[in-house]
N, C-alpha and C. Protein backbone atom coordinates (compact mmCIF):
# COMPACT_ATOMS: atom_id res chain seq x y z
N UNK A 1 -36.25 -38.51 1.31
CA UNK A 1 -35.51 -39.62 1.88
C UNK A 1 -34.03 -39.26 1.76
N UNK A 2 -33.33 -39.34 2.84
CA UNK A 2 -31.92 -38.98 2.81
C UNK A 2 -31.06 -40.22 2.64
N UNK A 3 -29.90 -39.98 2.12
CA UNK A 3 -28.95 -41.06 1.88
C UNK A 3 -28.25 -41.41 3.19
N UNK A 4 -28.18 -42.68 3.51
CA UNK A 4 -27.48 -43.11 4.73
C UNK A 4 -26.25 -43.91 4.33
N UNK A 5 -25.16 -43.74 5.06
CA UNK A 5 -23.94 -44.49 4.73
C UNK A 5 -24.13 -45.98 4.99
N UNK A 6 -23.49 -46.79 4.18
CA UNK A 6 -23.53 -48.25 4.34
C UNK A 6 -22.83 -48.62 5.64
N UNK A 7 -23.49 -49.41 6.45
CA UNK A 7 -22.89 -49.84 7.72
C UNK A 7 -21.77 -50.83 7.43
N UNK A 8 -20.69 -50.70 8.18
CA UNK A 8 -19.58 -51.64 8.03
C UNK A 8 -19.95 -52.95 8.71
N UNK A 9 -19.44 -54.03 8.16
CA UNK A 9 -19.70 -55.33 8.74
C UNK A 9 -19.07 -55.40 10.13
N UNK A 10 -19.84 -55.89 11.07
CA UNK A 10 -19.35 -56.04 12.43
C UNK A 10 -18.63 -57.38 12.55
N UNK A 11 -17.44 -57.35 13.09
CA UNK A 11 -16.66 -58.57 13.26
C UNK A 11 -16.89 -59.09 14.68
N UNK A 12 -17.19 -60.38 14.76
CA UNK A 12 -17.36 -60.99 16.08
C UNK A 12 -16.91 -62.43 16.03
N UNK A 13 -16.43 -62.90 17.15
CA UNK A 13 -16.00 -64.29 17.24
C UNK A 13 -17.19 -65.12 17.70
N UNK A 14 -17.47 -66.18 16.97
CA UNK A 14 -18.56 -67.09 17.32
C UNK A 14 -17.99 -68.49 17.41
N UNK A 15 -18.06 -69.07 18.61
CA UNK A 15 -17.49 -70.39 18.83
C UNK A 15 -18.52 -71.51 18.70
N UNK A 16 -19.78 -71.14 18.70
CA UNK A 16 -20.85 -72.13 18.72
C UNK A 16 -21.68 -72.00 17.45
N UNK A 17 -21.88 -73.09 16.75
CA UNK A 17 -22.65 -73.08 15.51
C UNK A 17 -24.08 -72.61 15.74
N UNK A 18 -24.70 -72.99 16.85
CA UNK A 18 -26.06 -72.54 17.15
C UNK A 18 -26.11 -71.01 17.25
N UNK A 19 -25.09 -70.42 17.90
CA UNK A 19 -25.05 -68.96 18.01
C UNK A 19 -24.92 -68.32 16.64
N UNK A 20 -24.06 -68.89 15.80
CA UNK A 20 -23.88 -68.36 14.45
C UNK A 20 -25.19 -68.38 13.67
N UNK A 21 -25.90 -69.50 13.74
CA UNK A 21 -27.16 -69.64 13.01
C UNK A 21 -28.18 -68.63 13.53
N UNK A 22 -28.24 -68.43 14.84
CA UNK A 22 -29.16 -67.44 15.41
C UNK A 22 -28.83 -66.03 14.91
N UNK A 23 -27.54 -65.70 14.86
CA UNK A 23 -27.13 -64.39 14.38
C UNK A 23 -27.49 -64.22 12.90
N UNK A 24 -27.22 -65.24 12.11
CA UNK A 24 -27.53 -65.20 10.68
C UNK A 24 -29.03 -65.05 10.44
N UNK A 25 -29.84 -65.84 11.12
CA UNK A 25 -31.29 -65.76 10.96
C UNK A 25 -31.81 -64.40 11.41
N UNK A 26 -31.28 -63.87 12.51
CA UNK A 26 -31.69 -62.55 12.98
C UNK A 26 -31.35 -61.46 11.98
N UNK A 27 -30.14 -61.50 11.43
CA UNK A 27 -29.71 -60.53 10.41
C UNK A 27 -30.64 -60.59 9.21
N UNK A 28 -30.89 -61.80 8.74
CA UNK A 28 -31.74 -61.99 7.56
C UNK A 28 -33.15 -61.49 7.81
N UNK A 29 -33.72 -61.86 8.94
CA UNK A 29 -35.08 -61.46 9.27
C UNK A 29 -35.21 -59.94 9.33
N UNK A 30 -34.22 -59.27 9.90
CA UNK A 30 -34.25 -57.81 10.00
C UNK A 30 -34.18 -57.17 8.62
N UNK A 31 -33.33 -57.67 7.74
CA UNK A 31 -33.22 -57.11 6.39
C UNK A 31 -34.52 -57.28 5.62
N UNK A 32 -35.15 -58.44 5.72
CA UNK A 32 -36.41 -58.69 5.03
C UNK A 32 -37.50 -57.76 5.57
N UNK A 33 -37.53 -57.55 6.89
CA UNK A 33 -38.52 -56.63 7.48
C UNK A 33 -38.37 -55.22 6.92
N UNK A 34 -37.12 -54.76 6.78
CA UNK A 34 -36.87 -53.42 6.25
C UNK A 34 -37.38 -53.32 4.81
N UNK A 35 -37.06 -54.31 3.99
CA UNK A 35 -37.52 -54.30 2.60
C UNK A 35 -39.04 -54.33 2.51
N UNK A 36 -39.67 -55.15 3.34
CA UNK A 36 -41.13 -55.22 3.35
C UNK A 36 -41.74 -53.89 3.81
N UNK A 37 -41.11 -53.25 4.77
CA UNK A 37 -41.58 -51.94 5.24
C UNK A 37 -41.48 -50.91 4.12
N UNK A 38 -40.39 -50.93 3.38
CA UNK A 38 -40.23 -49.96 2.29
C UNK A 38 -41.31 -50.11 1.23
N UNK A 39 -41.85 -51.32 1.08
CA UNK A 39 -42.96 -51.52 0.13
C UNK A 39 -44.22 -50.76 0.54
N UNK A 40 -44.31 -50.36 1.80
CA UNK A 40 -45.51 -49.68 2.29
C UNK A 40 -45.38 -48.15 2.26
N UNK A 41 -44.30 -47.63 1.69
CA UNK A 41 -44.13 -46.18 1.61
C UNK A 41 -45.30 -45.58 0.84
N UNK A 42 -45.87 -44.48 1.33
CA UNK A 42 -47.04 -43.89 0.66
C UNK A 42 -46.71 -43.40 -0.76
N UNK A 43 -47.75 -43.25 -1.56
CA UNK A 43 -47.60 -42.83 -2.95
C UNK A 43 -47.13 -41.38 -3.09
N UNK A 44 -47.35 -40.56 -2.09
CA UNK A 44 -46.98 -39.15 -2.18
C UNK A 44 -46.21 -38.72 -0.94
N UNK A 45 -45.48 -37.62 -1.08
CA UNK A 45 -44.81 -37.02 0.06
C UNK A 45 -43.45 -37.58 0.39
N UNK A 46 -42.94 -38.50 -0.42
CA UNK A 46 -41.63 -39.09 -0.17
C UNK A 46 -40.70 -38.69 -1.31
N UNK A 47 -39.49 -38.28 -0.95
CA UNK A 47 -38.49 -37.94 -1.95
C UNK A 47 -37.27 -38.83 -1.80
N UNK A 48 -36.61 -39.09 -2.93
CA UNK A 48 -35.37 -39.86 -2.93
C UNK A 48 -34.28 -39.02 -3.57
N UNK A 49 -33.04 -39.34 -3.23
CA UNK A 49 -31.92 -38.67 -3.89
C UNK A 49 -31.52 -39.50 -5.09
N UNK A 50 -31.56 -38.87 -6.25
CA UNK A 50 -31.22 -39.56 -7.49
C UNK A 50 -30.32 -38.65 -8.31
N UNK A 51 -29.13 -39.13 -8.59
CA UNK A 51 -28.15 -38.36 -9.36
C UNK A 51 -27.89 -36.99 -8.73
N UNK A 52 -27.82 -36.97 -7.39
CA UNK A 52 -27.50 -35.74 -6.67
C UNK A 52 -28.66 -34.78 -6.50
N UNK A 53 -29.85 -35.16 -6.92
CA UNK A 53 -31.02 -34.29 -6.80
C UNK A 53 -32.15 -35.02 -6.07
N UNK A 54 -32.90 -34.25 -5.30
CA UNK A 54 -34.08 -34.82 -4.63
C UNK A 54 -35.22 -34.94 -5.66
N UNK A 55 -35.79 -36.12 -5.75
CA UNK A 55 -36.89 -36.38 -6.69
C UNK A 55 -38.06 -36.98 -5.92
N UNK A 56 -39.29 -36.56 -6.25
CA UNK A 56 -40.44 -37.20 -5.59
C UNK A 56 -40.54 -38.66 -6.03
N UNK A 57 -40.88 -39.52 -5.10
CA UNK A 57 -40.97 -40.96 -5.38
C UNK A 57 -42.37 -41.25 -5.96
N UNK A 58 -42.54 -40.84 -7.21
CA UNK A 58 -43.81 -41.04 -7.91
C UNK A 58 -43.52 -41.52 -9.33
N UNK A 59 -44.55 -41.97 -10.01
CA UNK A 59 -44.43 -42.36 -11.41
C UNK A 59 -43.40 -43.44 -11.63
N UNK A 60 -42.53 -43.19 -12.64
CA UNK A 60 -41.54 -44.21 -13.02
C UNK A 60 -40.50 -44.44 -11.93
N UNK A 61 -40.22 -43.40 -11.13
CA UNK A 61 -39.27 -43.59 -10.02
C UNK A 61 -39.85 -44.55 -8.99
N UNK A 62 -41.12 -44.37 -8.67
CA UNK A 62 -41.77 -45.26 -7.70
C UNK A 62 -41.86 -46.68 -8.25
N UNK A 63 -42.24 -46.80 -9.53
CA UNK A 63 -42.33 -48.14 -10.15
C UNK A 63 -40.99 -48.85 -10.11
N UNK A 64 -39.91 -48.14 -10.42
CA UNK A 64 -38.58 -48.73 -10.38
C UNK A 64 -38.16 -49.10 -8.97
N UNK A 65 -38.51 -48.23 -8.02
CA UNK A 65 -38.20 -48.48 -6.62
C UNK A 65 -38.89 -49.74 -6.13
N UNK A 66 -40.19 -49.85 -6.41
CA UNK A 66 -40.97 -51.02 -6.00
C UNK A 66 -40.46 -52.28 -6.70
N UNK A 67 -40.13 -52.15 -7.99
CA UNK A 67 -39.58 -53.29 -8.73
C UNK A 67 -38.28 -53.77 -8.08
N UNK A 68 -37.40 -52.84 -7.74
CA UNK A 68 -36.13 -53.18 -7.10
C UNK A 68 -36.33 -53.86 -5.76
N UNK A 69 -37.29 -53.37 -4.98
CA UNK A 69 -37.58 -54.00 -3.69
C UNK A 69 -38.08 -55.43 -3.90
N UNK A 70 -38.94 -55.62 -4.88
CA UNK A 70 -39.46 -56.97 -5.15
C UNK A 70 -38.37 -57.91 -5.63
N UNK A 71 -37.43 -57.41 -6.43
CA UNK A 71 -36.30 -58.24 -6.86
C UNK A 71 -35.46 -58.61 -5.64
N UNK A 72 -35.18 -57.63 -4.78
CA UNK A 72 -34.39 -57.90 -3.57
C UNK A 72 -35.08 -58.92 -2.69
N UNK A 73 -36.39 -58.78 -2.49
CA UNK A 73 -37.11 -59.75 -1.67
C UNK A 73 -37.15 -61.13 -2.33
N UNK A 74 -37.18 -61.16 -3.66
CA UNK A 74 -37.15 -62.44 -4.37
C UNK A 74 -35.83 -63.16 -4.15
N UNK A 75 -34.75 -62.40 -4.06
CA UNK A 75 -33.42 -62.99 -3.86
C UNK A 75 -33.13 -63.25 -2.38
N UNK A 76 -33.56 -62.34 -1.52
CA UNK A 76 -33.20 -62.40 -0.10
C UNK A 76 -34.34 -62.91 0.77
N UNK A 77 -35.55 -62.88 0.27
CA UNK A 77 -36.74 -63.12 1.07
C UNK A 77 -36.78 -64.44 1.83
N UNK A 78 -36.23 -65.47 1.26
CA UNK A 78 -36.26 -66.78 1.92
C UNK A 78 -34.86 -67.40 1.84
N UNK A 79 -34.37 -67.80 2.99
CA UNK A 79 -33.07 -68.46 3.01
C UNK A 79 -33.17 -69.80 2.30
N UNK A 80 -32.11 -70.21 1.60
CA UNK A 80 -32.17 -71.47 0.83
C UNK A 80 -31.90 -72.71 1.67
N UNK A 81 -32.04 -72.59 2.98
CA UNK A 81 -31.81 -73.74 3.85
C UNK A 81 -32.63 -73.58 5.12
N UNK A 82 -32.77 -74.66 5.83
CA UNK A 82 -33.46 -74.68 7.11
C UNK A 82 -32.46 -75.21 8.13
N UNK A 83 -32.44 -74.62 9.29
CA UNK A 83 -31.51 -75.06 10.32
C UNK A 83 -32.27 -75.59 11.52
N UNK A 84 -31.79 -76.71 12.03
CA UNK A 84 -32.33 -77.25 13.28
C UNK A 84 -31.25 -77.09 14.33
N UNK A 85 -31.60 -76.44 15.41
CA UNK A 85 -30.62 -76.17 16.45
C UNK A 85 -30.64 -77.28 17.48
N UNK A 86 -29.46 -77.63 17.96
CA UNK A 86 -29.36 -78.62 19.03
C UNK A 86 -29.72 -77.94 20.35
N UNK A 87 -30.47 -78.64 21.16
CA UNK A 87 -30.74 -78.16 22.51
C UNK A 87 -29.57 -78.55 23.39
N UNK A 88 -29.48 -77.96 24.54
CA UNK A 88 -28.38 -78.32 25.46
C UNK A 88 -28.44 -79.79 25.85
N UNK A 89 -29.63 -80.38 25.93
CA UNK A 89 -29.73 -81.81 26.28
C UNK A 89 -29.21 -82.67 25.13
N UNK A 90 -29.39 -82.22 23.85
CA UNK A 90 -28.83 -82.96 22.71
C UNK A 90 -27.30 -82.93 22.77
N UNK A 91 -26.74 -81.78 23.10
CA UNK A 91 -25.29 -81.63 23.16
C UNK A 91 -24.73 -82.54 24.25
N UNK A 92 -25.37 -82.57 25.42
CA UNK A 92 -24.90 -83.41 26.52
C UNK A 92 -24.98 -84.90 26.17
N UNK A 93 -26.03 -85.28 25.45
CA UNK A 93 -26.20 -86.69 25.05
C UNK A 93 -25.11 -87.13 24.09
N UNK A 94 -24.64 -86.20 23.23
CA UNK A 94 -23.60 -86.55 22.26
C UNK A 94 -22.21 -86.36 22.81
N UNK A 95 -22.09 -85.60 23.90
CA UNK A 95 -20.78 -85.24 24.45
C UNK A 95 -20.24 -86.30 25.27
């Protein structure tokens, strides 16, 4: 497994709260999917870079990796709020 650089945060202007919520939910859903996918990595044949050296992802390294993924999913897995989006007819009725 090779090291990938951290992506820089993309800056965008959002004028509509519904759009912001959609972007936030999409970002969150994608991150959770990646973490869940990493949980399915096979027991053999995968290497990680650790302290500048390639190490097979087995034994204590695998256990620590899986533990870290589970901690991340425990923290990120579910958003602490629910959002209800206004439809265009709701906006017109209030406008």
